[in-house]
Amino acid sequence: MYRLLVLYNEPKDPAHFRKYYVETHLPLASKIPGVKKASYSFDVKPMGPGKSPYFCVFEADFESEAAMMSAFGSKEGQAVAGDVPNYASGGVTMVHFPVG
């Protein structure tokens, strides 16, 4: 299994982010081919004291790294990537890794 982890920083307009993400971005993301499982959360908390540096997290699992790269090369994957600037005004970090 191979995982994509997307970490969203605090946006300039949290209400816009939430609404757009749930109503527009997630439906686009649901069309990405090869996703085995996907989940997200706005309830991001640090293990220790203080505030989390992240506003939202998203995870998607694929069969392999090749499957993930193929998915993001698809027209659906490119549409999702192109949509991120429409709501993620605080910036975003994307990492991927094998899941053991």
C-alpha atoms as a PDB file:
ATOM      1  CA  MET A   1       0.000   0.000   0.000  1.00  0.00           C
ATOM      2  CA  TYR A   2       1.149   3.525  -0.739  1.00  0.00           C
ATOM      3  CA  ARG A   3      -0.118   6.721   0.921  1.00  0.00           C
ATOM      4  CA  LEU A   4      -0.447  10.361  -0.034  1.00  0.00           C
ATOM      5  CA  LEU A   5      -0.624  12.737   2.936  1.00  0.00           C
ATOM      6  CA  VAL A   6      -1.729  16.338   2.359  1.00  0.00           C
ATOM      7  CA  LEU A   7      -1.203  18.859   5.176  1.00  0.00           C
ATOM      8  CA  TYR A   8      -3.002  22.182   4.871  1.00  0.00           C
ATOM      9  CA  ASN A   9      -1.830  25.247   6.805  1.00  0.00           C
ATOM     10  CA  GLU A  10      -4.309  27.679   8.348  1.00  0.00           C
ATOM     11  CA  PRO A  11      -6.048  29.485   5.453  1.00  0.00           C
ATOM     12  CA  LYS A  12      -6.817  33.200   5.329  1.00  0.00           C
ATOM     13  CA  ASP A  13     -10.559  32.410   5.273  1.00  0.00           C
ATOM     14  CA  PRO A  14     -11.297  29.188   7.201  1.00  0.00           C
ATOM     15  CA  ALA A  15     -15.042  29.277   6.428  1.00  0.00           C
ATOM     16  CA  HIS A  16     -14.375  29.513   2.689  1.00  0.00           C
ATOM     17  CA  PHE A  17     -11.824  26.692   2.889  1.00  0.00           C
ATOM     18  CA  ARG A  18     -14.233  24.337   4.677  1.00  0.00           C
ATOM     19  CA  LYS A  19     -17.164  25.051   2.380  1.00  0.00           C
ATOM     20  CA  TYR A  20     -15.152  24.874  -0.843  1.00  0.00           C
ATOM     21  CA  TYR A  21     -13.180  21.817   0.268  1.00  0.00           C
ATOM     22  CA  VAL A  22     -16.265  19.779   1.197  1.00  0.00           C
ATOM     23  CA  GLU A  23     -18.590  20.947  -1.587  1.00  0.00           C
ATOM     24  CA  THR A  24     -16.156  21.266  -4.517  1.00  0.00           C
ATOM     25  CA  HIS A  25     -12.683  19.825  -3.914  1.00  0.00           C
ATOM     26  CA  LEU A  26     -13.573  16.498  -2.289  1.00  0.00           C
ATOM     27  CA  PRO A  27     -16.081  15.611  -5.046  1.00  0.00           C
ATOM     28  CA  LEU A  28     -13.286  16.264  -7.582  1.00  0.00           C
ATOM     29  CA  ALA A  29     -10.843  14.164  -5.540  1.00  0.00           C
ATOM     30  CA  SER A  30     -13.340  11.286  -5.391  1.00  0.00           C
ATOM     31  CA  LYS A  31     -12.906  10.903  -9.172  1.00  0.00           C
ATOM     32  CA  ILE A  32      -9.150  10.235  -9.008  1.00  0.00           C
ATOM     33  CA  PRO A  33      -8.582   6.734 -10.378  1.00  0.00           C
ATOM     34  CA  GLY A  34      -6.968   4.057  -8.244  1.00  0.00           C
ATOM     35  CA  VAL A  35      -7.751   5.453  -4.789  1.00  0.00           C
ATOM     36  CA  LYS A  36      -8.298   2.511  -2.432  1.00  0.00           C
ATOM     37  CA  LYS A  37      -9.249   4.601   0.592  1.00  0.00           C
ATOM     38  CA  ALA A  38      -9.391   8.315   1.379  1.00  0.00           C
ATOM     39  CA  SER A  39     -10.105  10.346   4.505  1.00  0.00           C
ATOM     40  CA  TYR A  40      -9.777  13.886   5.828  1.00  0.00           C
ATOM     41  CA  SER A  41     -10.171  15.842   9.050  1.00  0.00           C
ATOM     42  CA  PHE A  42     -10.470  19.442  10.181  1.00  0.00           C
ATOM     43  CA  ASP A  43      -9.945  18.372  13.819  1.00  0.00           C
ATOM     44  CA  VAL A  44      -6.132  18.358  13.769  1.00  0.00           C
ATOM     45  CA  LYS A  45      -4.512  18.459  17.223  1.00  0.00           C
ATOM     46  CA  PRO A  46      -0.872  18.390  18.319  1.00  0.00           C
ATOM     47  CA  MET A  47       0.354  15.669  20.668  1.00  0.00           C
ATOM     48  CA  GLY A  48       1.789  18.280  23.003  1.00  0.00           C
ATOM     49  CA  PRO A  49       0.785  21.770  24.072  1.00  0.00           C
ATOM     50  CA  GLY A  50       0.019  24.559  21.659  1.00  0.00           C
ATOM     51  CA  LYS A  51      -1.879  24.827  18.438  1.00  0.00           C
ATOM     52  CA  SER A  52      -1.474  22.481  15.494  1.00  0.00           C
ATOM     53  CA  PRO A  53       0.345  23.995  12.522  1.00  0.00           C
ATOM     54  CA  TYR A  54      -2.226  22.293  10.284  1.00  0.00           C
ATOM     55  CA  PHE A  55      -5.835  23.240   9.631  1.00  0.00           C
ATOM     56  CA  CYS A  56      -6.773  20.123   7.669  1.00  0.00           C
ATOM     57  CA  VAL A  57      -5.255  16.774   6.709  1.00  0.00           C
ATOM     58  CA  PHE A  58      -6.107  14.432   3.846  1.00  0.00           C
ATOM     59  CA  GLU A  59      -4.918  10.875   3.243  1.00  0.00           C
ATOM     60  CA  ALA A  60      -5.359   8.704   0.166  1.00  0.00           C
ATOM     61  CA  ASP A  61      -4.138   5.140  -0.231  1.00  0.00           C
ATOM     62  CA  PHE A  62      -3.111   3.578  -3.534  1.00  0.00           C
ATOM     63  CA  GLU A  63      -1.916   0.102  -4.486  1.00  0.00           C
ATOM     64  CA  SER A  64       1.601   1.382  -5.240  1.00  0.00           C
ATOM     65  CA  GLU A  65       3.678   4.480  -5.895  1.00  0.00           C
ATOM     66  CA  ALA A  66       3.288   3.847  -9.626  1.00  0.00           C
ATOM     67  CA  ALA A  67      -0.514   3.756  -9.231  1.00  0.00           C
ATOM     68  CA  MET A  68      -0.440   7.064  -7.325  1.00  0.00           C
ATOM     69  CA  MET A  69       1.776   8.743  -9.920  1.00  0.00           C
ATOM     70  CA  SER A  70      -0.451   7.465 -12.718  1.00  0.00           C
ATOM     71  CA  ALA A  71      -3.539   8.754 -10.892  1.00  0.00           C
ATOM     72  CA  PHE A  72      -2.095  12.241 -10.553  1.00  0.00           C
ATOM     73  CA  GLY A  73      -1.058  12.213 -14.196  1.00  0.00           C
ATOM     74  CA  SER A  74      -4.659  11.548 -15.224  1.00  0.00           C
ATOM     75  CA  LYS A  75      -7.023  14.354 -16.250  1.00  0.00           C
ATOM     76  CA  GLU A  76      -8.891  13.868 -12.942  1.00  0.00           C
ATOM     77  CA  GLY A  77      -5.672  14.087 -10.938  1.00  0.00           C
ATOM     78  CA  GLN A  78      -4.574  17.197 -12.779  1.00  0.00           C
ATOM     79  CA  ALA A  79      -7.984  18.806 -12.190  1.00  0.00           C
ATOM     80  CA  VAL A  80      -7.623  18.162  -8.449  1.00  0.00           C
ATOM     81  CA  ALA A  81      -4.093  19.595  -8.347  1.00  0.00           C
ATOM     82  CA  GLY A  82      -5.208  22.638 -10.334  1.00  0.00           C
ATOM     83  CA  ASP A  83      -8.076  23.260  -7.909  1.00  0.00           C
ATOM     84  CA  VAL A  84      -5.915  23.588  -4.763  1.00  0.00           C
ATOM     85  CA  PRO A  85      -5.181  27.343  -5.158  1.00  0.00           C
ATOM     86  CA  ASN A  86      -8.947  27.997  -5.117  1.00  0.00           C
ATOM     87  CA  TYR A  87      -9.137  27.340  -1.365  1.00  0.00           C
ATOM     88  CA  ALA A  88      -5.690  26.609   0.172  1.00  0.00           C
ATOM     89  CA  SER A  89      -4.588  30.205   0.761  1.00  0.00           C
ATOM     90  CA  GLY A  90      -2.385  29.207   3.711  1.00  0.00           C
ATOM     91  CA  GLY A  91      -0.254  26.789   1.737  1.00  0.00           C
ATOM     92  CA  VAL A  92      -0.101  23.037   1.510  1.00  0.00           C
ATOM     93  CA  THR A  93       2.491  20.276   1.959  1.00  0.00           C
ATOM     94  CA  MET A  94       2.139  16.967   0.159  1.00  0.00           C
ATOM     95  CA  VAL A  95       4.204  13.901   1.045  1.00  0.00           C
ATOM     96  CA  HIS A  96       3.945  10.264  -0.023  1.00  0.00           C
ATOM     97  CA  PHE A  97       5.331   7.043   1.346  1.00  0.00           C
ATOM     98  CA  PRO A  98       4.906   3.267   1.468  1.00  0.00           C
ATOM     99  CA  VAL A  99       2.714   1.988   4.279  1.00  0.00           C
ATOM    100  CA  GLY A 100       4.048  -1.069   6.089  1.00  0.00           C
END
